[in-house]
């Protein structure tokens, strides 16, 4: 375990993580928190990555502080991460709002709810 500074973004990340585990019943052992992803020469960190039961990346979450609106630039950020770690499901949240996408055949479609864990 590692001590973290409770920044506004960290608050959102920790609460969304608990939502995934306690409400959505995603197994915590299949969720990676803040790991490095290589984008060209840059090292970036995704917020949450959920693996399926075959240990394949399945759902990626980008968290922002509550006062940060979920704009197109936030979507572009998670899409860049998705180039390095392809997943079928993408979620962006600021704790107040949450937008999910299903990526299939190079297209994004809006989700009406989070997918059930496989």
Protein backbone atom coordinates (compact mmCIF):
# COMPACT_ATOMS: atom_id res chain seq x y z
CA UNK A 1 0.00 0.00 0.00
CA UNK A 2 1.03 3.54 -0.67
CA UNK A 3 0.06 6.79 1.04
CA UNK A 4 -1.59 9.28 -1.30
CA UNK A 5 -2.33 12.98 -1.10
CA UNK A 6 -6.09 13.42 -1.20
CA UNK A 7 -6.27 15.85 -4.11
CA UNK A 8 -9.69 16.59 -5.63
CA UNK A 9 -8.91 14.16 -8.48
CA UNK A 10 -7.75 11.48 -6.04
CA UNK A 11 -11.03 11.86 -4.12
CA UNK A 12 -12.95 11.16 -7.35
CA UNK A 13 -10.67 8.22 -8.23
CA UNK A 14 -11.06 6.57 -4.81
CA UNK A 15 -14.83 7.02 -4.76
CA UNK A 16 -15.26 5.72 -8.29
CA UNK A 17 -13.06 2.74 -7.45
CA UNK A 18 -15.29 1.96 -4.47
CA UNK A 19 -18.36 2.34 -6.70
CA UNK A 20 -16.94 -0.20 -9.16
CA UNK A 21 -16.14 -2.68 -6.39
CA UNK A 22 -19.09 -2.25 -4.03
CA UNK A 23 -21.97 -1.35 -6.35
CA UNK A 24 -20.97 -2.77 -9.72
CA UNK A 25 -19.33 -5.82 -8.09
CA UNK A 26 -16.13 -5.56 -10.15
CA UNK A 27 -13.45 -7.66 -8.41
CA UNK A 28 -10.86 -5.37 -6.82
CA UNK A 29 -8.07 -7.81 -7.65
CA UNK A 30 -8.73 -7.14 -11.35
CA UNK A 31 -8.42 -3.35 -11.09
CA UNK A 32 -5.14 -1.49 -11.57
CA UNK A 33 -4.86 2.00 -10.10
CA UNK A 34 -2.61 4.73 -11.54
CA UNK A 35 -0.17 2.73 -13.62
CA UNK A 36 2.21 4.10 -16.21
CA UNK A 37 1.40 3.85 -19.89
CA UNK A 38 3.98 4.70 -22.56
CA UNK A 39 2.74 7.09 -25.26
CA UNK A 40 5.59 7.43 -27.72
CA UNK A 41 8.41 8.94 -25.70
CA UNK A 42 6.08 10.13 -22.92
CA UNK A 43 5.17 8.29 -19.75
CA UNK A 44 1.58 8.96 -18.69
CA UNK A 45 -0.57 7.43 -15.96
CA UNK A 46 -4.07 6.11 -16.40
CA UNK A 47 -6.39 6.33 -13.40
CA UNK A 48 -8.15 2.95 -13.37
CA UNK A 49 -7.89 -0.09 -15.60
CA UNK A 50 -10.19 -3.07 -15.14
CA UNK A 51 -9.10 -6.44 -16.50
CA UNK A 52 -11.50 -9.17 -17.57
CA UNK A 53 -11.35 -12.69 -16.15
CA UNK A 54 -8.80 -13.62 -18.83
CA UNK A 55 -6.56 -10.80 -17.53
CA UNK A 56 -7.07 -8.71 -20.66
CA UNK A 57 -7.59 -4.93 -20.38
CA UNK A 58 -11.35 -4.40 -20.50
CA UNK A 59 -12.41 -0.99 -19.11
CA UNK A 60 -10.37 2.18 -18.62
CA UNK A 61 -11.40 5.11 -16.43
CA UNK A 62 -10.08 8.67 -16.53
CA UNK A 63 -10.92 10.70 -13.43
CA UNK A 64 -10.95 14.47 -13.11
CA UNK A 65 -11.61 16.74 -10.16
CA UNK A 66 -15.26 17.73 -9.67
CA UNK A 67 -14.70 21.25 -10.95
CA UNK A 68 -13.19 19.97 -14.23
CA UNK A 69 -15.83 19.63 -16.95
CA UNK A 70 -15.86 16.48 -19.06
CA UNK A 71 -14.90 18.10 -22.33
CA UNK A 72 -13.74 16.71 -25.63
CA UNK A 73 -10.14 17.14 -24.47
CA UNK A 74 -10.78 14.71 -21.58
CA UNK A 75 -12.20 12.22 -24.07
CA UNK A 76 -9.16 12.71 -26.31
CA UNK A 77 -6.88 12.06 -23.34
CA UNK A 78 -8.41 8.65 -22.61
CA UNK A 79 -8.48 7.85 -26.33
CA UNK A 80 -4.71 8.46 -26.46
CA UNK A 81 -4.26 6.05 -23.55
CA UNK A 82 -6.50 3.63 -25.41
CA UNK A 83 -4.01 3.59 -28.29
CA UNK A 84 -1.41 2.12 -25.94
CA UNK A 85 -3.85 -0.10 -24.03
CA UNK A 86 -6.83 -1.05 -26.21
CA UNK A 87 -10.02 -1.69 -24.24
CA UNK A 88 -13.62 -2.06 -25.38
CA UNK A 89 -14.98 0.24 -22.64
CA UNK A 90 -13.90 3.78 -21.73
CA UNK A 91 -15.24 5.94 -18.90
CA UNK A 92 -14.58 9.56 -18.00
CA UNK A 93 -15.82 10.98 -14.71
CA UNK A 94 -15.45 14.01 -12.49
CA UNK A 95 -17.48 12.55 -9.63
CA UNK A 96 -20.61 14.49 -10.59
CA UNK A 97 -20.85 13.38 -14.20
CA UNK A 98 -19.87 10.09 -15.75
CA UNK A 99 -19.79 9.29 -19.45
CA UNK A 100 -19.11 5.81 -20.75
CA UNK A 101 -18.28 4.62 -24.24
CA UNK A 102 -18.14 1.28 -25.98
CA UNK A 103 -15.42 1.05 -28.59
CA UNK A 104 -16.06 -1.43 -31.37
CA UNK A 105 -14.79 -1.59 -34.95
CA UNK A 106 -13.10 1.79 -34.56
CA UNK A 107 -16.34 3.50 -33.49
CA UNK A 108 -17.44 4.90 -30.16
CA UNK A 109 -20.99 4.58 -28.91
CA UNK A 110 -22.35 6.10 -25.71
CA UNK A 111 -23.24 3.75 -22.89
CA UNK A 112 -26.43 4.20 -20.91
CA UNK A 113 -24.89 2.29 -17.99
CA UNK A 114 -21.64 0.63 -17.06
CA UNK A 115 -21.21 -2.88 -18.42
CA UNK A 116 -21.65 -5.86 -16.13
CA UNK A 117 -18.37 -7.46 -15.20
CA UNK A 118 -17.70 -10.53 -17.35
